[in-house]
Amino acid sequence: MKKKLTGLLTAVSALLYSSSFFAMTAFADGEGSAETTANATAAAGTGSVFWTLIFPLIIMFAMLYLIAIRPQKKREQELKNMQESLQVGDEIVTGGGIVGIVVATGDDTVVIETGGARHKLRIKTWAITENVTAQERVKEAKAAASKKTDSGLASAGIVEDEPEKKPKKKKKEE
């Protein structure tokens, strides 16, 4: 993904540089008559405005969307899904750094139990930034999936045989 983005940025910057270079040198001739300059200006009027002003702006907004806005929306959606899928017994962390275990859930509030004295706090769901239990479940699932792929031959009924050991030759006693 980073290689594609780097290549795209390189291509766009080269395009912008070349278009701005040609736009700056378009009127550098200066030696022509007034008629040829007026005709060239009229012919290049709308096309040059698009390529020198509007097209680079479109490219910059597209890059801004791809680099900043889209990933942020994705993170916000993942956070919202995590906050909605809280279950009793999950260990969570709030934005203020409070760690607790979910005891009860409501529409927009969650009751958590913190500390050894088992203090209970009611907090808003938007304040929850991390679900530690869910992260552990994901790690376990990844570990199980990697073990499953390692044992793919065994699940298919194929077992690797160990190479047969050849008997060692005994030295003849003289």
C-alpha atoms as a PDB file:
ATOM      1  CA  MET A   1       0.000   0.000   0.000  1.00  0.00           C
ATOM      2  CA  LYS A   2       2.814   2.407   0.874  1.00  0.00           C
ATOM      3  CA  LYS A   3       4.609   1.597  -2.386  1.00  0.00           C
ATOM      4  CA  LYS A   4       1.484   2.360  -4.406  1.00  0.00           C
ATOM      5  CA  LEU A   5       0.915   5.597  -2.505  1.00  0.00           C
ATOM      6  CA  THR A   6       4.540   6.665  -2.977  1.00  0.00           C
ATOM      7  CA  GLY A   7       4.355   5.920  -6.702  1.00  0.00           C
ATOM      8  CA  LEU A   8       1.102   7.837  -6.997  1.00  0.00           C
ATOM      9  CA  LEU A   9       2.538  10.840  -5.163  1.00  0.00           C
ATOM     10  CA  THR A  10       5.639  10.805  -7.367  1.00  0.00           C
ATOM     11  CA  ALA A  11       3.569  10.686 -10.548  1.00  0.00           C
ATOM     12  CA  VAL A  12       1.264  13.465  -9.370  1.00  0.00           C
ATOM     13  CA  SER A  13       4.139  15.715  -8.317  1.00  0.00           C
ATOM     14  CA  ALA A  14       5.857  15.179 -11.685  1.00  0.00           C
ATOM     15  CA  LEU A  15       2.631  16.034 -13.489  1.00  0.00           C
ATOM     16  CA  LEU A  16       2.099  19.159 -11.410  1.00  0.00           C
ATOM     17  CA  TYR A  17       5.704  20.275 -11.930  1.00  0.00           C
ATOM     18  CA  SER A  18       5.556  19.800 -15.680  1.00  0.00           C
ATOM     19  CA  SER A  19       2.188  21.538 -16.021  1.00  0.00           C
ATOM     20  CA  SER A  20       3.318  24.506 -13.914  1.00  0.00           C
ATOM     21  CA  PHE A  21       6.607  24.707 -15.862  1.00  0.00           C
ATOM     22  CA  PHE A  22       4.805  24.840 -19.199  1.00  0.00           C
ATOM     23  CA  ALA A  23       2.324  27.382 -17.839  1.00  0.00           C
ATOM     24  CA  MET A  24       5.129  29.671 -16.658  1.00  0.00           C
ATOM     25  CA  THR A  25       7.074  29.451 -19.921  1.00  0.00           C
ATOM     26  CA  ALA A  26       4.043  29.814 -22.205  1.00  0.00           C
ATOM     27  CA  PHE A  27       4.330  33.611 -22.337  1.00  0.00           C
ATOM     28  CA  ALA A  28       8.112  33.833 -22.116  1.00  0.00           C
ATOM     29  CA  ASP A  29       8.587  34.417 -25.858  1.00  0.00           C
ATOM     30  CA  GLY A  30       7.915  38.167 -25.658  1.00  0.00           C
ATOM     31  CA  GLU A  31       9.335  38.832 -29.150  1.00  0.00           C
ATOM     32  CA  GLY A  32       6.075  38.120 -31.020  1.00  0.00           C
ATOM     33  CA  SER A  33       3.700  40.704 -32.319  1.00  0.00           C
ATOM     34  CA  ALA A  34       0.618  41.829 -30.389  1.00  0.00           C
ATOM     35  CA  GLU A  35      -1.665  39.864 -32.708  1.00  0.00           C
ATOM     36  CA  THR A  36       0.073  36.543 -32.188  1.00  0.00           C
ATOM     37  CA  THR A  37       0.179  37.099 -28.436  1.00  0.00           C
ATOM     38  CA  ALA A  38      -3.542  37.912 -28.349  1.00  0.00           C
ATOM     39  CA  ASN A  39      -4.378  34.883 -30.499  1.00  0.00           C
ATOM     40  CA  ALA A  40      -2.249  32.593 -28.336  1.00  0.00           C
ATOM     41  CA  THR A  41      -3.851  33.970 -25.182  1.00  0.00           C
ATOM     42  CA  ALA A  42      -7.358  33.463 -26.538  1.00  0.00           C
ATOM     43  CA  ALA A  43      -6.594  29.951 -27.747  1.00  0.00           C
ATOM     44  CA  ALA A  44      -4.956  28.881 -24.509  1.00  0.00           C
ATOM     45  CA  GLY A  45      -7.441  30.711 -22.249  1.00  0.00           C
ATOM     46  CA  THR A  46      -9.730  28.013 -20.914  1.00  0.00           C
ATOM     47  CA  GLY A  47      -7.382  25.068 -21.293  1.00  0.00           C
ATOM     48  CA  SER A  48      -4.484  26.677 -19.484  1.00  0.00           C
ATOM     49  CA  VAL A  49      -6.686  27.847 -16.618  1.00  0.00           C
ATOM     50  CA  PHE A  50      -7.907  24.318 -16.079  1.00  0.00           C
ATOM     51  CA  TRP A  51      -4.441  22.776 -16.180  1.00  0.00           C
ATOM     52  CA  THR A  52      -2.712  25.438 -14.104  1.00  0.00           C
ATOM     53  CA  LEU A  53      -5.334  26.179 -11.451  1.00  0.00           C
ATOM     54  CA  ILE A  54      -8.189  23.716 -11.246  1.00  0.00           C
ATOM     55  CA  PHE A  55      -6.493  20.405 -12.028  1.00  0.00           C
ATOM     56  CA  PRO A  56      -3.809  20.721  -9.292  1.00  0.00           C
ATOM     57  CA  LEU A  57      -6.521  21.609  -6.761  1.00  0.00           C
ATOM     58  CA  ILE A  58      -8.499  18.515  -7.714  1.00  0.00           C
ATOM     59  CA  ILE A  59      -5.388  16.361  -7.326  1.00  0.00           C
ATOM     60  CA  MET A  60      -4.585  17.892  -3.914  1.00  0.00           C
ATOM     61  CA  PHE A  61      -8.113  17.296  -2.600  1.00  0.00           C
ATOM     62  CA  ALA A  62      -8.012  13.705  -3.849  1.00  0.00           C
ATOM     63  CA  MET A  63      -4.678  13.132  -2.086  1.00  0.00           C
ATOM     64  CA  LEU A  64      -6.020  14.742   1.108  1.00  0.00           C
ATOM     65  CA  TYR A  65      -9.017  12.413   1.023  1.00  0.00           C
ATOM     66  CA  LEU A  66      -6.866   9.306   0.477  1.00  0.00           C
ATOM     67  CA  ILE A  67      -4.233  10.194   3.073  1.00  0.00           C
ATOM     68  CA  ALA A  68      -6.211  11.841   5.886  1.00  0.00           C
ATOM     69  CA  ILE A  69      -9.993  11.629   5.675  1.00  0.00           C
ATOM     70  CA  ARG A  70     -10.579   8.024   4.591  1.00  0.00           C
ATOM     71  CA  PRO A  71      -8.323   6.363   7.220  1.00  0.00           C
ATOM     72  CA  GLN A  72      -9.793   8.561   9.964  1.00  0.00           C
ATOM     73  CA  LYS A  73     -13.353   7.540   9.024  1.00  0.00           C
ATOM     74  CA  LYS A  74     -12.286   3.900   9.069  1.00  0.00           C
ATOM     75  CA  ARG A  75     -10.801   4.247  12.585  1.00  0.00           C
ATOM     76  CA  GLU A  76     -13.935   6.034  13.822  1.00  0.00           C
ATOM     77  CA  GLN A  77     -16.163   3.268  12.439  1.00  0.00           C
ATOM     78  CA  GLU A  78     -14.036   0.552  14.100  1.00  0.00           C
ATOM     79  CA  LEU A  79     -14.196   2.431  17.432  1.00  0.00           C
ATOM     80  CA  LYS A  80     -17.970   2.809  17.160  1.00  0.00           C
ATOM     81  CA  ASN A  81     -18.395  -0.907  16.386  1.00  0.00           C
ATOM     82  CA  MET A  82     -16.198  -1.801  19.377  1.00  0.00           C
ATOM     83  CA  GLN A  83     -18.204   0.450  21.687  1.00  0.00           C
ATOM     84  CA  GLU A  84     -21.500  -1.048  20.494  1.00  0.00           C
ATOM     85  CA  SER A  85     -20.301  -4.642  20.882  1.00  0.00           C
ATOM     86  CA  LEU A  86     -19.287  -4.421  24.552  1.00  0.00           C
ATOM     87  CA  GLN A  87     -20.276  -7.438  26.629  1.00  0.00           C
ATOM     88  CA  VAL A  88     -20.467  -8.038  30.354  1.00  0.00           C
ATOM     89  CA  GLY A  89     -17.076  -9.270  31.538  1.00  0.00           C
ATOM     90  CA  ASP A  90     -14.990  -7.347  28.996  1.00  0.00           C
ATOM     91  CA  GLU A  91     -11.978  -5.455  30.309  1.00  0.00           C
ATOM     92  CA  ILE A  92     -11.986  -1.907  28.951  1.00  0.00           C
ATOM     93  CA  VAL A  93      -9.898   1.261  29.100  1.00  0.00           C
ATOM     94  CA  THR A  94     -11.468   4.728  29.049  1.00  0.00           C
ATOM     95  CA  GLY A  95     -10.109   7.857  27.443  1.00  0.00           C
ATOM     96  CA  GLY A  96      -8.998   9.082  30.875  1.00  0.00           C
ATOM     97  CA  GLY A  97      -7.025   5.908  31.534  1.00  0.00           C
ATOM     98  CA  ILE A  98      -9.468   4.163  33.879  1.00  0.00           C
ATOM     99  CA  VAL A  99      -9.283   0.379  33.558  1.00  0.00           C
ATOM    100  CA  GLY A 100     -12.257  -1.726  34.547  1.00  0.00           C
ATOM    101  CA  ILE A 101     -14.463  -4.708  33.855  1.00  0.00           C
ATOM    102  CA  VAL A 102     -17.926  -4.216  32.365  1.00  0.00           C
ATOM    103  CA  VAL A 103     -20.652  -5.153  34.877  1.00  0.00           C
ATOM    104  CA  ALA A 104     -23.742  -3.828  33.068  1.00  0.00           C
ATOM    105  CA  THR A 105     -24.532  -2.074  29.813  1.00  0.00           C
ATOM    106  CA  GLY A 106     -27.267   0.406  28.985  1.00  0.00           C
ATOM    107  CA  ASP A 107     -28.292   2.444  25.970  1.00  0.00           C
ATOM    108  CA  ASP A 108     -25.498   4.996  26.172  1.00  0.00           C
ATOM    109  CA  THR A 109     -23.849   4.155  29.505  1.00  0.00           C
ATOM    110  CA  VAL A 110     -21.759   1.296  30.858  1.00  0.00           C
ATOM    111  CA  VAL A 111     -21.179   0.336  34.487  1.00  0.00           C
ATOM    112  CA  ILE A 112     -17.627  -0.805  35.160  1.00  0.00           C
ATOM    113  CA  GLU A 113     -15.960  -2.260  38.217  1.00  0.00           C
ATOM    114  CA  THR A 114     -12.508  -0.964  39.058  1.00  0.00           C
ATOM    115  CA  GLY A 115      -9.792  -1.683  41.594  1.00  0.00           C
ATOM    116  CA  GLY A 116      -9.446  -4.255  44.340  1.00  0.00           C
ATOM    117  CA  ALA A 117     -12.219  -2.642  46.413  1.00  0.00           C
ATOM    118  CA  ARG A 118     -14.575  -3.227  43.468  1.00  0.00           C
ATOM    119  CA  HIS A 119     -15.729   0.347  43.030  1.00  0.00           C
ATOM    120  CA  LYS A 120     -18.399   0.748  40.388  1.00  0.00           C
ATOM    121  CA  LEU A 121     -18.427   3.633  37.932  1.00  0.00           C
ATOM    122  CA  ARG A 122     -21.032   4.550  35.360  1.00  0.00           C
ATOM    123  CA  ILE A 123     -19.484   5.996  32.216  1.00  0.00           C
ATOM    124  CA  LYS A 124     -20.662   6.956  28.745  1.00  0.00           C
ATOM    125  CA  THR A 125     -19.897   4.540  25.923  1.00  0.00           C
ATOM    126  CA  TRP A 126     -18.181   7.276  23.875  1.00  0.00           C
ATOM    127  CA  ALA A 127     -15.509   7.496  26.618  1.00  0.00           C
ATOM    128  CA  ILE A 128     -14.367   3.907  26.012  1.00  0.00           C
ATOM    129  CA  THR A 129     -11.284   3.819  23.809  1.00  0.00           C
ATOM    130  CA  GLU A 130     -10.071   0.237  24.073  1.00  0.00           C
ATOM    131  CA  ASN A 131     -11.515  -3.224  24.700  1.00  0.00           C
ATOM    132  CA  VAL A 132      -8.622  -5.298  26.052  1.00  0.00           C
ATOM    133  CA  THR A 133     -10.586  -8.559  26.111  1.00  0.00           C
ATOM    134  CA  ALA A 134     -11.570  -8.241  22.449  1.00  0.00           C
ATOM    135  CA  GLN A 135      -7.947  -7.597  21.485  1.00  0.00           C
ATOM    136  CA  GLU A 136      -6.900 -10.753  23.345  1.00  0.00           C
ATOM    137  CA  ARG A 137      -9.615 -12.728  21.515  1.00  0.00           C
ATOM    138  CA  VAL A 138      -8.293 -11.465  18.176  1.00  0.00           C
ATOM    139  CA  LYS A 139      -4.721 -12.460  19.103  1.00  0.00           C
ATOM    140  CA  GLU A 140      -5.902 -15.944  20.130  1.00  0.00           C
ATOM    141  CA  ALA A 141      -7.846 -16.307  16.884  1.00  0.00           C
ATOM    142  CA  LYS A 142      -4.782 -15.319  14.863  1.00  0.00           C
ATOM    143  CA  ALA A 143      -2.642 -17.782  16.800  1.00  0.00           C
ATOM    144  CA  ALA A 144      -5.199 -20.545  16.229  1.00  0.00           C
ATOM    145  CA  ALA A 145      -5.370 -19.694  12.530  1.00  0.00           C
ATOM    146  CA  SER A 146      -1.595 -19.835  12.192  1.00  0.00           C
ATOM    147  CA  LYS A 147      -1.522 -23.206  13.960  1.00  0.00           C
ATOM    148  CA  LYS A 148      -4.285 -24.444  11.682  1.00  0.00           C
ATOM    149  CA  THR A 149      -2.319 -23.488   8.578  1.00  0.00           C
ATOM    150  CA  ASP A 150       0.787 -25.170   9.989  1.00  0.00           C
ATOM    151  CA  SER A 151      -1.115 -28.400  10.524  1.00  0.00           C
ATOM    152  CA  GLY A 152      -2.709 -28.272   7.091  1.00  0.00           C
ATOM    153  CA  LEU A 153      -1.017 -31.511   6.026  1.00  0.00           C
ATOM    154  CA  ALA A 154      -2.235 -33.339   9.119  1.00  0.00           C
ATOM    155  CA  SER A 155      -5.821 -32.205   8.587  1.00  0.00           C
ATOM    156  CA  ALA A 156      -5.654 -33.463   5.007  1.00  0.00           C
ATOM    157  CA  GLY A 157      -4.570 -36.871   6.253  1.00  0.00           C
ATOM    158  CA  ILE A 158      -1.043 -36.513   4.987  1.00  0.00           C
ATOM    159  CA  VAL A 159       1.636 -37.198   7.519  1.00  0.00           C
ATOM    160  CA  GLU A 160       5.261 -36.570   6.880  1.00  0.00           C
ATOM    161  CA  ASP A 161       7.264 -39.690   7.542  1.00  0.00           C
ATOM    162  CA  GLU A 162      10.504 -39.375   9.362  1.00  0.00           C
ATOM    163  CA  PRO A 163      13.433 -40.612   7.369  1.00  0.00           C
ATOM    164  CA  GLU A 164      14.323 -44.144   8.293  1.00  0.00           C
ATOM    165  CA  LYS A 165      17.438 -44.415  10.354  1.00  0.00           C
ATOM    166  CA  LYS A 166      20.119 -46.607   8.905  1.00  0.00           C
ATOM    167  CA  PRO A 167      21.747 -48.947  11.332  1.00  0.00           C
ATOM    168  CA  LYS A 168      25.223 -47.935  12.268  1.00  0.00           C
ATOM    169  CA  LYS A 169      28.011 -50.172  11.149  1.00  0.00           C
ATOM    170  CA  LYS A 170      29.845 -51.765  13.973  1.00  0.00           C
ATOM    171  CA  LYS A 171      33.572 -51.581  13.885  1.00  0.00           C
ATOM    172  CA  LYS A 172      35.240 -54.901  13.619  1.00  0.00           C
ATOM    173  CA  GLU A 173      37.452 -55.702  16.493  1.00  0.00           C
ATOM    174  CA  GLU A 174      40.866 -56.871  15.467  1.00  0.00           C
END
